[in-house]
């Protein structure tokens, strides 16, 4: 899952900043790091998360289930059209 590959500091900083709403200076004080180091850590973590999420998305697109999805949708639309035609014929 995305985020599990982040280094411990990266994960902490992301959680404190994005989920707890803490500022860079506050996080720096809590973790004994400079605000610049926190900014750098956030940047690296975001870049890594983007790559991980992109890889997950590509994997999903390549999965067999998703490959069959358009076919399944078209089959169901076709079934609905046949049902609609049957109903129209019965009404006439």
C-alpha atoms as a PDB file:
ATOM      1  CA  UNK A   1       0.000   0.000   0.000  1.00  0.00           C
ATOM      2  CA  UNK A   2       1.070   3.550  -0.662  1.00  0.00           C
ATOM      3  CA  UNK A   3       2.984   5.051   2.231  1.00  0.00           C
ATOM      4  CA  UNK A   4       4.219   1.841   3.782  1.00  0.00           C
ATOM      5  CA  UNK A   5       7.506   2.162   1.915  1.00  0.00           C
ATOM      6  CA  UNK A   6       8.148   5.646   3.302  1.00  0.00           C
ATOM      7  CA  UNK A   7      11.064   6.001   5.711  1.00  0.00           C
ATOM      8  CA  UNK A   8       9.940   6.366   9.326  1.00  0.00           C
ATOM      9  CA  UNK A   9      10.703  10.121   9.459  1.00  0.00           C
ATOM     10  CA  UNK A  10       8.871  10.698   6.185  1.00  0.00           C
ATOM     11  CA  UNK A  11       5.817   8.852   7.424  1.00  0.00           C
ATOM     12  CA  UNK A  12       5.830  10.766  10.719  1.00  0.00           C
ATOM     13  CA  UNK A  13       6.177  14.132   9.024  1.00  0.00           C
ATOM     14  CA  UNK A  14       3.390  13.392   6.521  1.00  0.00           C
ATOM     15  CA  UNK A  15       1.042  12.225   9.275  1.00  0.00           C
ATOM     16  CA  UNK A  16       1.792  15.185  11.521  1.00  0.00           C
ATOM     17  CA  UNK A  17       1.462  17.707   8.702  1.00  0.00           C
ATOM     18  CA  UNK A  18      -1.388  16.366   6.576  1.00  0.00           C
ATOM     19  CA  UNK A  19      -3.468  14.465   9.115  1.00  0.00           C
ATOM     20  CA  UNK A  20      -2.829  16.316  12.344  1.00  0.00           C
ATOM     21  CA  UNK A  21      -2.595  19.711  10.656  1.00  0.00           C
ATOM     22  CA  UNK A  22       0.652  20.692  12.360  1.00  0.00           C
ATOM     23  CA  UNK A  23       2.943  23.292  10.839  1.00  0.00           C
ATOM     24  CA  UNK A  24       6.495  22.772   9.653  1.00  0.00           C
ATOM     25  CA  UNK A  25       8.034  24.646  12.593  1.00  0.00           C
ATOM     26  CA  UNK A  26       5.912  22.764  15.122  1.00  0.00           C
ATOM     27  CA  UNK A  27       6.888  19.422  13.589  1.00  0.00           C
ATOM     28  CA  UNK A  28      10.538  20.470  13.533  1.00  0.00           C
ATOM     29  CA  UNK A  29      10.432  21.288  17.232  1.00  0.00           C
ATOM     30  CA  UNK A  30       8.726  17.986  18.062  1.00  0.00           C
ATOM     31  CA  UNK A  31      11.178  15.913  16.001  1.00  0.00           C
ATOM     32  CA  UNK A  32      14.273  18.012  16.779  1.00  0.00           C
ATOM     33  CA  UNK A  33      14.738  18.937  13.111  1.00  0.00           C
ATOM     34  CA  UNK A  34      15.007  22.275  11.332  1.00  0.00           C
ATOM     35  CA  UNK A  35      12.030  23.585   9.366  1.00  0.00           C
ATOM     36  CA  UNK A  36      14.138  23.234   6.195  1.00  0.00           C
ATOM     37  CA  UNK A  37      14.718  19.563   6.995  1.00  0.00           C
ATOM     38  CA  UNK A  38      10.979  19.088   7.530  1.00  0.00           C
ATOM     39  CA  UNK A  39      10.231  20.773   4.180  1.00  0.00           C
ATOM     40  CA  UNK A  40      12.763  18.508   2.482  1.00  0.00           C
ATOM     41  CA  UNK A  41      11.305  15.440   4.175  1.00  0.00           C
ATOM     42  CA  UNK A  42       7.771  16.421   3.110  1.00  0.00           C
ATOM     43  CA  UNK A  43       8.934  16.977  -0.466  1.00  0.00           C
ATOM     44  CA  UNK A  44      10.646  13.580  -0.654  1.00  0.00           C
ATOM     45  CA  UNK A  45       7.693  11.802   0.945  1.00  0.00           C
ATOM     46  CA  UNK A  46       5.226  13.426  -1.465  1.00  0.00           C
ATOM     47  CA  UNK A  47       7.353  12.458  -4.448  1.00  0.00           C
ATOM     48  CA  UNK A  48       7.618   8.880  -3.222  1.00  0.00           C
ATOM     49  CA  UNK A  49       3.869   8.716  -2.577  1.00  0.00           C
ATOM     50  CA  UNK A  50       3.153  10.017  -6.089  1.00  0.00           C
ATOM     51  CA  UNK A  51       5.327   7.276  -7.558  1.00  0.00           C
ATOM     52  CA  UNK A  52       3.736   4.570  -5.397  1.00  0.00           C
ATOM     53  CA  UNK A  53       0.186   5.707  -6.168  1.00  0.00           C
ATOM     54  CA  UNK A  54       0.985   5.903  -9.879  1.00  0.00           C
ATOM     55  CA  UNK A  55       2.400   2.360  -9.791  1.00  0.00           C
ATOM     56  CA  UNK A  56      -0.743   1.123  -8.006  1.00  0.00           C
ATOM     57  CA  UNK A  57      -2.928   2.836 -10.604  1.00  0.00           C
ATOM     58  CA  UNK A  58      -0.966   1.343 -13.503  1.00  0.00           C
ATOM     59  CA  UNK A  59      -1.230  -2.087 -11.875  1.00  0.00           C
ATOM     60  CA  UNK A  60      -4.982  -1.650 -11.583  1.00  0.00           C
ATOM     61  CA  UNK A  61      -5.267  -0.660 -15.218  1.00  0.00           C
ATOM     62  CA  UNK A  62      -3.341  -3.765 -16.236  1.00  0.00           C
ATOM     63  CA  UNK A  63      -5.381  -6.109 -14.072  1.00  0.00           C
ATOM     64  CA  UNK A  64      -7.574  -8.694 -15.747  1.00  0.00           C
ATOM     65  CA  UNK A  65     -10.706  -7.522 -13.981  1.00  0.00           C
ATOM     66  CA  UNK A  66     -10.377  -4.014 -15.318  1.00  0.00           C
ATOM     67  CA  UNK A  67      -9.536  -5.297 -18.802  1.00  0.00           C
ATOM     68  CA  UNK A  68     -12.887  -7.099 -18.838  1.00  0.00           C
ATOM     69  CA  UNK A  69     -14.783  -4.125 -17.416  1.00  0.00           C
ATOM     70  CA  UNK A  70     -15.655  -2.451 -20.758  1.00  0.00           C
ATOM     71  CA  UNK A  71     -16.865  -5.795 -22.145  1.00  0.00           C
ATOM     72  CA  UNK A  72     -19.055  -6.393 -19.096  1.00  0.00           C
ATOM     73  CA  UNK A  73     -20.541  -2.900 -19.332  1.00  0.00           C
ATOM     74  CA  UNK A  74     -21.286  -3.319 -23.046  1.00  0.00           C
ATOM     75  CA  UNK A  75     -22.894  -6.722 -22.388  1.00  0.00           C
ATOM     76  CA  UNK A  76     -25.155  -5.253 -19.736  1.00  0.00           C
ATOM     77  CA  UNK A  77     -26.116  -2.330 -21.960  1.00  0.00           C
ATOM     78  CA  UNK A  78     -26.932  -4.808 -24.710  1.00  0.00           C
ATOM     79  CA  UNK A  79     -29.072  -6.821 -22.289  1.00  0.00           C
ATOM     80  CA  UNK A  80     -30.932  -3.675 -21.263  1.00  0.00           C
ATOM     81  CA  UNK A  81     -31.539  -2.750 -24.884  1.00  0.00           C
ATOM     82  CA  UNK A  82     -32.930  -6.232 -25.611  1.00  0.00           C
ATOM     83  CA  UNK A  83     -35.172  -5.996 -22.563  1.00  0.00           C
ATOM     84  CA  UNK A  84     -36.348  -2.563 -23.654  1.00  0.00           C
ATOM     85  CA  UNK A  85     -37.075  -3.887 -27.185  1.00  0.00           C
ATOM     86  CA  UNK A  86     -39.040  -6.813 -25.727  1.00  0.00           C
ATOM     87  CA  UNK A  87     -41.100  -4.477 -23.567  1.00  0.00           C
ATOM     88  CA  UNK A  88     -41.774  -2.161 -26.534  1.00  0.00           C
ATOM     89  CA  UNK A  89     -42.940  -5.098 -28.682  1.00  0.00           C
ATOM     90  CA  UNK A  90     -45.309  -6.303 -25.962  1.00  0.00           C
ATOM     91  CA  UNK A  91     -46.824  -2.856 -25.642  1.00  0.00           C
ATOM     92  CA  UNK A  92     -47.474  -2.516 -29.393  1.00  0.00           C
END
